[in-house]
């Protein structure tokens, strides 16, 4: 049996060609330095995850920048039509939003409603 015959016998849903795009492309990849936070949030079943800045730093393996402690905007999700920041990709790609409490040094990561 040659390749053409084998391809023709395959069920339509399993036929893939080199020109086909992946089924679920991710619009923005999570940067390597924030991948551990992404994985942690993505693996949680709870709709709400609250982490202290120290816990986030433990997950990341480095200290958060000063702006994360001083500006709400550092934790902002991308607006429609704009590119998300490197750090926000870690929670947005895990289908979450971030709401920081700078005084308490905590962040509430809420699962986005479907």
PDB file of N, CA and C in Angstrom:
ATOM      1  N   UNK A   1       0.855  -1.167   0.000  1.00  0.00           N
ATOM      2  CA  UNK A   1       0.000   0.000   0.000  1.00  0.00           C
ATOM      3  C   UNK A   1       0.906   1.238   0.000  1.00  0.00           C
ATOM      4  N   UNK A   2       0.644   2.148  -0.903  1.00  0.00           N
ATOM      5  CA  UNK A   2       1.443   3.362  -0.966  1.00  0.00           C
ATOM      6  C   UNK A   2       0.834   4.455  -0.079  1.00  0.00           C
ATOM      7  N   UNK A   3       1.521   5.582   0.035  1.00  0.00           N
ATOM      8  CA  UNK A   3       1.075   6.677   0.907  1.00  0.00           C
ATOM      9  C   UNK A   3      -0.298   7.196   0.496  1.00  0.00           C
ATOM     10  N   UNK A   4      -0.532   7.360  -0.789  1.00  0.00           N
ATOM     11  CA  UNK A   4      -1.819   7.893  -1.253  1.00  0.00           C
ATOM     12  C   UNK A   4      -2.969   7.000  -0.852  1.00  0.00           C
ATOM     13  N   UNK A   5      -2.783   5.705  -0.978  1.00  0.00           N
ATOM     14  CA  UNK A   5      -3.841   4.762  -0.614  1.00  0.00           C
ATOM     15  C   UNK A   5      -4.077   4.801   0.887  1.00  0.00           C
ATOM     16  N   UNK A   6      -2.999   4.807   1.652  1.00  0.00           N
ATOM     17  CA  UNK A   6      -3.122   4.850   3.115  1.00  0.00           C
ATOM     18  C   UNK A   6      -3.808   6.140   3.541  1.00  0.00           C
ATOM     19  N   UNK A   7      -3.454   7.263   2.920  1.00  0.00           N
ATOM     20  CA  UNK A   7      -4.070   8.549   3.257  1.00  0.00           C
ATOM     21  C   UNK A   7      -5.554   8.543   2.925  1.00  0.00           C
ATOM     22  N   UNK A   8      -5.901   7.974   1.792  1.00  0.00           N
ATOM     23  CA  UNK A   8      -7.304   7.935   1.365  1.00  0.00           C
ATOM     24  C   UNK A   8      -8.150   7.076   2.300  1.00  0.00           C
ATOM     25  N   UNK A   9      -7.545   6.063   2.918  1.00  0.00           N
ATOM     26  CA  UNK A   9      -8.282   5.175   3.814  1.00  0.00           C
ATOM     27  C   UNK A   9      -8.432   5.726   5.223  1.00  0.00           C
ATOM     28  N   UNK A  10      -7.686   6.772   5.546  1.00  0.00           N
ATOM     29  CA  UNK A  10      -7.760   7.362   6.885  1.00  0.00           C
ATOM     30  C   UNK A  10      -9.081   8.104   7.049  1.00  0.00           C
ATOM     31  N   UNK A  11      -9.654   8.080   8.264  1.00  0.00           N
ATOM     32  CA  UNK A  11     -10.864   8.882   8.505  1.00  0.00           C
ATOM     33  C   UNK A  11     -10.557  10.354   8.261  1.00  0.00           C
ATOM     34  N   UNK A  12     -11.524  11.088   7.746  1.00  0.00           N
ATOM     35  CA  UNK A  12     -11.310  12.495   7.389  1.00  0.00           C
ATOM     36  C   UNK A  12     -10.762  13.328   8.546  1.00  0.00           C
ATOM     37  N   UNK A  13     -11.263  13.141   9.755  1.00  0.00           N
ATOM     38  CA  UNK A  13     -10.825  13.940  10.895  1.00  0.00           C
ATOM     39  C   UNK A  13      -9.375  13.745  11.258  1.00  0.00           C
ATOM     40  N   UNK A  14      -8.780  12.625  10.877  1.00  0.00           N
ATOM     41  CA  UNK A  14      -7.392  12.364  11.261  1.00  0.00           C
ATOM     42  C   UNK A  14      -6.405  12.721  10.160  1.00  0.00           C
ATOM     43  N   UNK A  15      -6.900  13.168   9.022  1.00  0.00           N
ATOM     44  CA  UNK A  15      -6.013  13.570   7.928  1.00  0.00           C
ATOM     45  C   UNK A  15      -5.403  14.922   8.234  1.00  0.00           C
ATOM     46  N   UNK A  16      -4.118  14.981   8.172  1.00  0.00           N
ATOM     47  CA  UNK A  16      -3.416  16.239   8.396  1.00  0.00           C
ATOM     48  C   UNK A  16      -2.410  16.412   7.274  1.00  0.00           C
ATOM     49  N   UNK A  17      -2.273  17.615   6.820  1.00  0.00           N
ATOM     50  CA  UNK A  17      -1.250  17.917   5.829  1.00  0.00           C
ATOM     51  C   UNK A  17      -0.303  18.939   6.425  1.00  0.00           C
ATOM     52  N   UNK A  18       0.813  19.093   5.784  1.00  0.00           N
ATOM     53  CA  UNK A  18       1.829  20.016   6.301  1.00  0.00           C
ATOM     54  C   UNK A  18       1.351  21.467   6.292  1.00  0.00           C
ATOM     55  N   UNK A  19       0.365  21.783   5.467  1.00  0.00           N
ATOM     56  CA  UNK A  19      -0.089  23.162   5.366  1.00  0.00           C
ATOM     57  C   UNK A  19      -1.188  23.505   6.359  1.00  0.00           C
ATOM     58  N   UNK A  20      -1.729  22.524   7.075  1.00  0.00           N
ATOM     59  CA  UNK A  20      -2.796  22.804   8.022  1.00  0.00           C
ATOM     60  C   UNK A  20      -2.238  23.433   9.286  1.00  0.00           C
ATOM     61  N   UNK A  21      -2.956  24.408   9.812  1.00  0.00           N
ATOM     62  CA  UNK A  21      -2.555  25.069  11.053  1.00  0.00           C
ATOM     63  C   UNK A  21      -2.958  24.210  12.241  1.00  0.00           C
ATOM     64  N   UNK A  22      -2.296  24.374  13.396  1.00  0.00           N
ATOM     65  CA  UNK A  22      -2.703  23.638  14.593  1.00  0.00           C
ATOM     66  C   UNK A  22      -4.147  23.959  14.964  1.00  0.00           C
ATOM     67  N   UNK A  23      -4.809  23.025  15.605  1.00  0.00           N
ATOM     68  CA  UNK A  23      -6.226  23.179  15.935  1.00  0.00           C
ATOM     69  C   UNK A  23      -6.482  24.316  16.916  1.00  0.00           C
ATOM     70  N   UNK A  24      -5.630  24.467  17.924  1.00  0.00           N
ATOM     71  CA  UNK A  24      -5.846  25.503  18.933  1.00  0.00           C
ATOM     72  C   UNK A  24      -4.584  26.335  19.120  1.00  0.00           C
ATOM     73  N   UNK A  25      -4.337  27.275  18.231  1.00  0.00           N
ATOM     74  CA  UNK A  25      -3.135  28.098  18.385  1.00  0.00           C
ATOM     75  C   UNK A  25      -3.271  29.055  19.569  1.00  0.00           C
ATOM     76  N   UNK A  26      -2.171  29.266  20.269  1.00  0.00           N
ATOM     77  CA  UNK A  26      -2.167  30.241  21.356  1.00  0.00           C
ATOM     78  C   UNK A  26      -1.705  31.572  20.783  1.00  0.00           C
ATOM     79  N   UNK A  27      -2.478  32.634  20.995  1.00  0.00           N
ATOM     80  CA  UNK A  27      -2.115  33.903  20.396  1.00  0.00           C
ATOM     81  C   UNK A  27      -0.814  34.471  20.949  1.00  0.00           C
ATOM     82  N   UNK A  28      -0.531  34.263  22.209  1.00  0.00           N
ATOM     83  CA  UNK A  28       0.687  34.777  22.823  1.00  0.00           C
ATOM     84  C   UNK A  28       1.279  33.693  23.714  1.00  0.00           C
ATOM     85  N   UNK A  29       2.517  33.358  23.484  1.00  0.00           N
ATOM     86  CA  UNK A  29       3.180  32.352  24.301  1.00  0.00           C
ATOM     87  C   UNK A  29       3.556  32.945  25.656  1.00  0.00           C
ATOM     88  N   UNK A  30       3.580  32.099  26.666  1.00  0.00           N
ATOM     89  CA  UNK A  30       3.999  32.527  28.003  1.00  0.00           C
ATOM     90  C   UNK A  30       5.525  32.538  28.035  1.00  0.00           C
ATOM     91  N   UNK A  31       6.142  33.658  28.395  1.00  0.00           N
ATOM     92  CA  UNK A  31       7.607  33.715  28.473  1.00  0.00           C
ATOM     93  C   UNK A  31       8.136  32.713  29.501  1.00  0.00           C
ATOM     94  N   UNK A  32       9.303  32.188  29.243  1.00  0.00           N
ATOM     95  CA  UNK A  32       9.901  31.152  30.087  1.00  0.00           C
ATOM     96  C   UNK A  32       9.985  31.561  31.551  1.00  0.00           C
ATOM     97  N   UNK A  33      10.325  32.826  31.830  1.00  0.00           N
ATOM     98  CA  UNK A  33      10.492  33.242  33.219  1.00  0.00           C
ATOM     99  C   UNK A  33       9.179  33.236  34.004  1.00  0.00           C
ATOM    100  N   UNK A  34       8.038  33.280  33.313  1.00  0.00           N
ATOM    101  CA  UNK A  34       6.731  33.277  33.983  1.00  0.00           C
ATOM    102  C   UNK A  34       5.979  31.950  33.800  1.00  0.00           C
ATOM    103  N   UNK A  35       6.630  30.969  33.197  1.00  0.00           N
ATOM    104  CA  UNK A  35       5.981  29.694  32.918  1.00  0.00           C
ATOM    105  C   UNK A  35       5.570  28.940  34.181  1.00  0.00           C
ATOM    106  N   UNK A  36       6.354  29.025  35.242  1.00  0.00           N
ATOM    107  CA  UNK A  36       6.012  28.318  36.483  1.00  0.00           C
ATOM    108  C   UNK A  36       4.746  28.893  37.130  1.00  0.00           C
ATOM    109  N   UNK A  37       4.558  30.202  37.064  1.00  0.00           N
ATOM    110  CA  UNK A  37       3.334  30.811  37.582  1.00  0.00           C
ATOM    111  C   UNK A  37       2.146  30.384  36.719  1.00  0.00           C
ATOM    112  N   UNK A  38       2.330  30.393  35.408  1.00  0.00           N
ATOM    113  CA  UNK A  38       1.273  29.948  34.499  1.00  0.00           C
ATOM    114  C   UNK A  38       0.859  28.512  34.819  1.00  0.00           C
ATOM    115  N   UNK A  39       1.831  27.633  34.941  1.00  0.00           N
ATOM    116  CA  UNK A  39       1.531  26.221  35.198  1.00  0.00           C
ATOM    117  C   UNK A  39       0.802  26.058  36.531  1.00  0.00           C
ATOM    118  N   UNK A  40       1.245  26.768  37.548  1.00  0.00           N
ATOM    119  CA  UNK A  40       0.593  26.694  38.851  1.00  0.00           C
ATOM    120  C   UNK A  40      -0.870  27.106  38.743  1.00  0.00           C
ATOM    121  N   UNK A  41      -1.130  28.244  38.105  1.00  0.00           N
ATOM    122  CA  UNK A  41      -2.507  28.744  37.978  1.00  0.00           C
ATOM    123  C   UNK A  41      -3.347  27.840  37.082  1.00  0.00           C
ATOM    124  N   UNK A  42      -2.756  27.353  36.030  1.00  0.00           N
ATOM    125  CA  UNK A  42      -3.479  26.494  35.089  1.00  0.00           C
ATOM    126  C   UNK A  42      -3.858  25.160  35.722  1.00  0.00           C
ATOM    127  N   UNK A  43      -3.050  24.675  36.647  1.00  0.00           N
ATOM    128  CA  UNK A  43      -3.292  23.375  37.286  1.00  0.00           C
ATOM    129  C   UNK A  43      -4.255  23.445  38.471  1.00  0.00           C
ATOM    130  N   UNK A  44      -4.652  24.634  38.898  1.00  0.00           N
ATOM    131  CA  UNK A  44      -5.569  24.769  40.033  1.00  0.00           C
ATOM    132  C   UNK A  44      -7.006  24.602  39.577  1.00  0.00           C
ATOM    133  N   UNK A  45      -7.764  23.816  40.339  1.00  0.00           N
ATOM    134  CA  UNK A  45      -9.181  23.614  40.042  1.00  0.00           C
ATOM    135  C   UNK A  45     -10.045  24.746  40.594  1.00  0.00           C
ATOM    136  N   UNK A  46      -9.593  25.398  41.632  1.00  0.00           N
ATOM    137  CA  UNK A  46     -10.376  26.461  42.257  1.00  0.00           C
ATOM    138  C   UNK A  46     -10.563  27.627  41.287  1.00  0.00           C
ATOM    139  N   UNK A  47     -11.727  28.241  41.348  1.00  0.00           N
ATOM    140  CA  UNK A  47     -11.996  29.396  40.500  1.00  0.00           C
ATOM    141  C   UNK A  47     -11.233  30.632  40.966  1.00  0.00           C
ATOM    142  N   UNK A  48     -10.907  30.683  42.252  1.00  0.00           N
ATOM    143  CA  UNK A  48     -10.176  31.805  42.826  1.00  0.00           C
ATOM    144  C   UNK A  48      -8.912  31.283  43.500  1.00  0.00           C
ATOM    145  N   UNK A  49      -7.789  31.871  43.146  1.00  0.00           N
ATOM    146  CA  UNK A  49      -6.499  31.532  43.764  1.00  0.00           C
ATOM    147  C   UNK A  49      -5.902  32.827  44.288  1.00  0.00           C
ATOM    148  N   UNK A  50      -5.581  32.858  45.567  1.00  0.00           N
ATOM    149  CA  UNK A  50      -4.968  34.035  46.183  1.00  0.00           C
ATOM    150  C   UNK A  50      -3.517  33.679  46.530  1.00  0.00           C
ATOM    151  N   UNK A  51      -2.598  34.490  46.029  1.00  0.00           N
ATOM    152  CA  UNK A  51      -1.177  34.283  46.308  1.00  0.00           C
ATOM    153  C   UNK A  51      -0.569  35.568  46.849  1.00  0.00           C
ATOM    154  N   UNK A  52       0.328  35.420  47.802  1.00  0.00           N
ATOM    155  CA  UNK A  52       1.087  36.574  48.279  1.00  0.00           C
ATOM    156  C   UNK A  52       2.212  36.851  47.279  1.00  0.00           C
ATOM    157  N   UNK A  53       2.759  38.045  47.342  1.00  0.00           N
ATOM    158  CA  UNK A  53       3.889  38.359  46.488  1.00  0.00           C
ATOM    159  C   UNK A  53       5.033  37.373  46.740  1.00  0.00           C
ATOM    160  N   UNK A  54       5.247  37.030  48.006  1.00  0.00           N
ATOM    161  CA  UNK A  54       6.317  36.085  48.362  1.00  0.00           C
ATOM    162  C   UNK A  54       6.072  34.715  47.728  1.00  0.00           C
ATOM    163  N   UNK A  55       4.827  34.261  47.728  1.00  0.00           N
ATOM    164  CA  UNK A  55       4.509  32.967  47.106  1.00  0.00           C
ATOM    165  C   UNK A  55       4.734  33.022  45.594  1.00  0.00           C
ATOM    166  N   UNK A  56       4.378  34.132  44.984  1.00  0.00           N
ATOM    167  CA  UNK A  56       4.611  34.294  43.543  1.00  0.00           C
ATOM    168  C   UNK A  56       6.114  34.277  43.263  1.00  0.00           C
ATOM    169  N   UNK A  57       6.880  34.967  44.092  1.00  0.00           N
ATOM    170  CA  UNK A  57       8.334  34.988  43.925  1.00  0.00           C
ATOM    171  C   UNK A  57       8.927  33.592  44.101  1.00  0.00           C
ATOM    172  N   UNK A  58       8.391  32.817  45.044  1.00  0.00           N
ATOM    173  CA  UNK A  58       8.858  31.440  45.227  1.00  0.00           C
ATOM    174  C   UNK A  58       8.588  30.608  43.976  1.00  0.00           C
ATOM    175  N   UNK A  59       7.410  30.788  43.388  1.00  0.00           N
ATOM    176  CA  UNK A  59       7.081  30.057  42.155  1.00  0.00           C
ATOM    177  C   UNK A  59       7.992  30.467  41.005  1.00  0.00           C
ATOM    178  N   UNK A  60       8.234  31.769  40.885  1.00  0.00           N
ATOM    179  CA  UNK A  60       9.033  32.289  39.777  1.00  0.00           C
ATOM    180  C   UNK A  60      10.528  32.033  39.954  1.00  0.00           C
ATOM    181  N   UNK A  61      10.974  32.053  41.191  1.00  0.00           N
ATOM    182  CA  UNK A  61      12.404  31.886  41.438  1.00  0.00           C
ATOM    183  C   UNK A  61      13.179  33.194  41.364  1.00  0.00           C
ATOM    184  N   UNK A  62      12.466  34.315  41.347  1.00  0.00           N
ATOM    185  CA  UNK A  62      13.118  35.620  41.367  1.00  0.00           C
ATOM    186  C   UNK A  62      12.186  36.638  42.017  1.00  0.00           C
ATOM    187  N   UNK A  63      12.755  37.754  42.427  1.00  0.00           N
ATOM    188  CA  UNK A  63      12.004  38.823  43.082  1.00  0.00           C
ATOM    189  C   UNK A  63      11.192  39.601  42.052  1.00  0.00           C
ATOM    190  N   UNK A  64       9.955  39.896  42.408  1.00  0.00           N
ATOM    191  CA  UNK A  64       9.127  40.727  41.536  1.00  0.00           C
ATOM    192  C   UNK A  64       9.754  42.103  41.395  1.00  0.00           C
ATOM    193  N   UNK A  65       9.600  42.736  40.241  1.00  0.00           N
ATOM    194  CA  UNK A  65      10.148  44.084  40.099  1.00  0.00           C
ATOM    195  C   UNK A  65       9.421  45.071  41.004  1.00  0.00           C
ATOM    196  N   UNK A  66      10.063  46.181  41.304  1.00  0.00           N
ATOM    197  CA  UNK A  66       9.464  47.203  42.167  1.00  0.00           C
ATOM    198  C   UNK A  66       8.109  47.663  41.642  1.00  0.00           C
ATOM    199  N   UNK A  67       7.959  47.767  40.323  1.00  0.00           N
ATOM    200  CA  UNK A  67       6.690  48.213  39.746  1.00  0.00           C
ATOM    201  C   UNK A  67       5.528  47.295  40.131  1.00  0.00           C
ATOM    202  N   UNK A  68       5.798  46.009  40.309  1.00  0.00           N
ATOM    203  CA  UNK A  68       4.743  45.073  40.704  1.00  0.00           C
ATOM    204  C   UNK A  68       4.228  45.388  42.101  1.00  0.00           C
ATOM    205  N   UNK A  69       5.074  45.954  42.934  1.00  0.00           N
ATOM    206  CA  UNK A  69       4.697  46.297  44.304  1.00  0.00           C
ATOM    207  C   UNK A  69       4.100  47.700  44.424  1.00  0.00           C
ATOM    208  N   UNK A  70       4.312  48.522  43.385  1.00  0.00           N
ATOM    209  CA  UNK A  70       3.927  49.924  43.469  1.00  0.00           C
ATOM    210  C   UNK A  70       2.797  50.341  42.524  1.00  0.00           C
ATOM    211  N   UNK A  71       2.616  49.617  41.413  1.00  0.00           N
ATOM    212  CA  UNK A  71       1.650  50.057  40.411  1.00  0.00           C
ATOM    213  C   UNK A  71       0.645  48.955  40.061  1.00  0.00           C
ATOM    214  N   UNK A  72      -0.629  49.302  40.192  1.00  0.00           N
ATOM    215  CA  UNK A  72      -1.701  48.368  39.804  1.00  0.00           C
ATOM    216  C   UNK A  72      -1.557  47.965  38.337  1.00  0.00           C
ATOM    217  N   UNK A  73      -1.093  48.887  37.511  1.00  0.00           N
ATOM    218  CA  UNK A  73      -1.014  48.653  36.071  1.00  0.00           C
ATOM    219  C   UNK A  73      -0.114  47.481  35.713  1.00  0.00           C
ATOM    220  N   UNK A  74       0.871  47.173  36.554  1.00  0.00           N
ATOM    221  CA  UNK A  74       1.770  46.055  36.274  1.00  0.00           C
ATOM    222  C   UNK A  74       0.982  44.755  36.193  1.00  0.00           C
ATOM    223  N   UNK A  75      -0.109  44.691  36.938  1.00  0.00           N
ATOM    224  CA  UNK A  75      -0.950  43.489  37.007  1.00  0.00           C
ATOM    225  C   UNK A  75      -2.119  43.537  36.022  1.00  0.00           C
ATOM    226  N   UNK A  76      -2.194  44.564  35.209  1.00  0.00           N
ATOM    227  CA  UNK A  76      -3.332  44.742  34.307  1.00  0.00           C
ATOM    228  C   UNK A  76      -3.352  43.686  33.218  1.00  0.00           C
ATOM    229  N   UNK A  77      -4.562  43.325  32.841  1.00  0.00           N
ATOM    230  CA  UNK A  77      -4.747  42.458  31.683  1.00  0.00           C
ATOM    231  C   UNK A  77      -4.719  43.351  30.449  1.00  0.00           C
ATOM    232  N   UNK A  78      -4.374  42.783  29.316  1.00  0.00           N
ATOM    233  CA  UNK A  78      -4.283  43.572  28.085  1.00  0.00           C
ATOM    234  C   UNK A  78      -5.665  44.061  27.664  1.00  0.00           C
ATOM    235  N   UNK A  79      -5.709  45.284  27.174  1.00  0.00           N
ATOM    236  CA  UNK A  79      -6.942  45.819  26.599  1.00  0.00           C
ATOM    237  C   UNK A  79      -7.140  45.195  25.224  1.00  0.00           C
ATOM    238  N   UNK A  80      -8.372  45.219  24.755  1.00  0.00           N
ATOM    239  CA  UNK A  80      -8.661  44.709  23.418  1.00  0.00           C
ATOM    240  C   UNK A  80      -7.824  45.488  22.404  1.00  0.00           C
ATOM    241  N   UNK A  81      -7.168  44.769  21.533  1.00  0.00           N
ATOM    242  CA  UNK A  81      -6.368  45.415  20.503  1.00  0.00           C
ATOM    243  C   UNK A  81      -4.936  45.710  20.891  1.00  0.00           C
ATOM    244  N   UNK A  82      -4.561  45.459  22.148  1.00  0.00           N
ATOM    245  CA  UNK A  82      -3.175  45.691  22.552  1.00  0.00           C
ATOM    246  C   UNK A  82      -2.527  44.366  22.951  1.00  0.00           C
ATOM    247  N   UNK A  83      -1.226  44.338  22.877  1.00  0.00           N
ATOM    248  CA  UNK A  83      -0.489  43.135  23.245  1.00  0.00           C
ATOM    249  C   UNK A  83      -0.390  43.021  24.756  1.00  0.00           C
ATOM    250  N   UNK A  84      -0.575  41.809  25.297  1.00  0.00           N
ATOM    251  CA  UNK A  84      -0.440  41.645  26.749  1.00  0.00           C
ATOM    252  C   UNK A  84       1.022  41.734  27.163  1.00  0.00           C
ATOM    253  N   UNK A  85       1.237  42.173  28.396  1.00  0.00           N
ATOM    254  CA  UNK A  85       2.599  42.215  28.923  1.00  0.00           C
ATOM    255  C   UNK A  85       3.106  40.792  29.114  1.00  0.00           C
ATOM    256  N   UNK A  86       4.409  40.660  29.230  1.00  0.00           N
ATOM    257  CA  UNK A  86       5.009  39.335  29.407  1.00  0.00           C
ATOM    258  C   UNK A  86       4.447  38.646  30.637  1.00  0.00           C
ATOM    259  N   UNK A  87       4.340  39.387  31.756  1.00  0.00           N
ATOM    260  CA  UNK A  87       3.870  38.767  32.989  1.00  0.00           C
ATOM    261  C   UNK A  87       2.389  38.420  32.914  1.00  0.00           C
ATOM    262  N   UNK A  88       1.582  39.259  32.270  1.00  0.00           N
ATOM    263  CA  UNK A  88       0.138  38.985  32.248  1.00  0.00           C
ATOM    264  C   UNK A  88      -0.206  37.758  31.419  1.00  0.00           C
ATOM    265  N   UNK A  89       0.668  37.369  30.512  1.00  0.00           N
ATOM    266  CA  UNK A  89       0.421  36.149  29.739  1.00  0.00           C
ATOM    267  C   UNK A  89       0.361  34.920  30.640  1.00  0.00           C
ATOM    268  N   UNK A  90       1.085  34.964  31.763  1.00  0.00           N
ATOM    269  CA  UNK A  90       1.105  33.801  32.656  1.00  0.00           C
ATOM    270  C   UNK A  90      -0.270  33.521  33.236  1.00  0.00           C
ATOM    271  N   UNK A  91      -1.055  34.560  33.532  1.00  0.00           N
ATOM    272  CA  UNK A  91      -2.396  34.310  34.073  1.00  0.00           C
ATOM    273  C   UNK A  91      -3.468  34.323  32.987  1.00  0.00           C
ATOM    274  N   UNK A  92      -3.312  35.157  31.956  1.00  0.00           N
ATOM    275  CA  UNK A  92      -4.350  35.179  30.926  1.00  0.00           C
ATOM    276  C   UNK A  92      -4.369  33.893  30.112  1.00  0.00           C
ATOM    277  N   UNK A  93      -3.213  33.294  29.878  1.00  0.00           N
ATOM    278  CA  UNK A  93      -3.174  32.018  29.161  1.00  0.00           C
ATOM    279  C   UNK A  93      -3.687  30.874  30.040  1.00  0.00           C
ATOM    280  N   UNK A  94      -3.794  31.110  31.343  1.00  0.00           N
ATOM    281  CA  UNK A  94      -4.411  30.141  32.261  1.00  0.00           C
ATOM    282  C   UNK A  94      -5.879  30.494  32.494  1.00  0.00           C
ATOM    283  N   UNK A  95      -6.427  31.377  31.655  1.00  0.00           N
ATOM    284  CA  UNK A  95      -7.831  31.813  31.715  1.00  0.00           C
ATOM    285  C   UNK A  95      -8.168  32.483  33.047  1.00  0.00           C
ATOM    286  N   UNK A  96      -7.288  33.355  33.487  1.00  0.00           N
ATOM    287  CA  UNK A  96      -7.503  34.055  34.750  1.00  0.00           C
ATOM    288  C   UNK A  96      -7.257  35.544  34.588  1.00  0.00           C
ATOM    289  N   UNK A  97      -7.837  36.303  35.493  1.00  0.00           N
ATOM    290  CA  UNK A  97      -7.546  37.727  35.603  1.00  0.00           C
ATOM    291  C   UNK A  97      -6.832  37.933  36.932  1.00  0.00           C
ATOM    292  N   UNK A  98      -6.096  39.024  37.029  1.00  0.00           N
ATOM    293  CA  UNK A  98      -5.348  39.319  38.256  1.00  0.00           C
ATOM    294  C   UNK A  98      -5.873  40.603  38.874  1.00  0.00           C
ATOM    295  N   UNK A  99      -6.085  40.549  40.197  1.00  0.00           N
ATOM    296  CA  UNK A  99      -6.500  41.742  40.932  1.00  0.00           C
ATOM    297  C   UNK A  99      -5.576  41.865  42.150  1.00  0.00           C
ATOM    298  N   UNK A 100      -4.624  42.798  42.076  1.00  0.00           N
ATOM    299  CA  UNK A 100      -3.665  42.928  43.175  1.00  0.00           C
ATOM    300  C   UNK A 100      -4.203  43.790  44.318  1.00  0.00           C
ATOM    301  N   UNK A 101      -3.726  43.505  45.518  1.00  0.00           N
ATOM    302  CA  UNK A 101      -3.920  44.367  46.682  1.00  0.00           C
ATOM    303  C   UNK A 101      -2.504  44.735  47.110  1.00  0.00           C
ATOM    304  N   UNK A 102      -2.059  45.915  46.679  1.00  0.00           N
ATOM    305  CA  UNK A 102      -0.670  46.309  46.912  1.00  0.00           C
ATOM    306  C   UNK A 102      -0.344  46.463  48.393  1.00  0.00           C
ATOM    307  N   UNK A 103      -1.300  46.943  49.193  1.00  0.00           N
ATOM    308  CA  UNK A 103      -1.053  47.078  50.630  1.00  0.00           C
ATOM    309  C   UNK A 103      -0.861  45.728  51.310  1.00  0.00           C
ATOM    310  N   UNK A 104      -1.700  44.780  50.968  1.00  0.00           N
ATOM    311  CA  UNK A 104      -1.612  43.451  51.563  1.00  0.00           C
ATOM    312  C   UNK A 104      -0.561  42.574  50.879  1.00  0.00           C
ATOM    313  N   UNK A 105      -0.045  43.036  49.743  1.00  0.00           N
ATOM    314  CA  UNK A 105       0.923  42.294  48.936  1.00  0.00           C
ATOM    315  C   UNK A 105       0.377  40.917  48.555  1.00  0.00           C
ATOM    316  N   UNK A 106      -0.860  40.934  48.029  1.00  0.00           N
ATOM    317  CA  UNK A 106      -1.492  39.709  47.546  1.00  0.00           C
ATOM    318  C   UNK A 106      -2.084  39.966  46.159  1.00  0.00           C
ATOM    319  N   UNK A 107      -2.335  38.878  45.454  1.00  0.00           N
ATOM    320  CA  UNK A 107      -3.000  38.963  44.159  1.00  0.00           C
ATOM    321  C   UNK A 107      -4.080  37.891  44.126  1.00  0.00           C
ATOM    322  N   UNK A 108      -5.288  38.292  43.720  1.00  0.00           N
ATOM    323  CA  UNK A 108      -6.388  37.348  43.522  1.00  0.00           C
ATOM    324  C   UNK A 108      -6.439  37.042  42.033  1.00  0.00           C
ATOM    325  N   UNK A 109      -6.257  35.773  41.694  1.00  0.00           N
ATOM    326  CA  UNK A 109      -6.353  35.313  40.316  1.00  0.00           C
ATOM    327  C   UNK A 109      -7.703  34.627  40.162  1.00  0.00           C
ATOM    328  N   UNK A 110      -8.569  35.243  39.388  1.00  0.00           N
ATOM    329  CA  UNK A 110      -9.950  34.761  39.229  1.00  0.00           C
ATOM    330  C   UNK A 110     -10.087  34.101  37.858  1.00  0.00           C
ATOM    331  N   UNK A 111     -10.697  32.914  37.840  1.00  0.00           N
ATOM    332  CA  UNK A 111     -10.925  32.228  36.572  1.00  0.00           C
ATOM    333  C   UNK A 111     -11.916  33.034  35.743  1.00  0.00           C
ATOM    334  N   UNK A 112     -11.594  33.224  34.483  1.00  0.00           N
ATOM    335  CA  UNK A 112     -12.471  33.965  33.580  1.00  0.00           C
ATOM    336  C   UNK A 112     -13.729  33.140  33.324  1.00  0.00           C
ATOM    337  N   UNK A 113     -14.869  33.792  33.338  1.00  0.00           N
ATOM    338  CA  UNK A 113     -16.117  33.073  33.096  1.00  0.00           C
ATOM    339  C   UNK A 113     -16.212  32.695  31.628  1.00  0.00           C
ATOM    340  N   UNK A 114     -16.787  31.537  31.392  1.00  0.00           N
ATOM    341  CA  UNK A 114     -16.869  31.030  30.017  1.00  0.00           C
ATOM    342  C   UNK A 114     -18.032  31.586  29.271  1.00  0.00           C
TER     343      UNK A 114
END
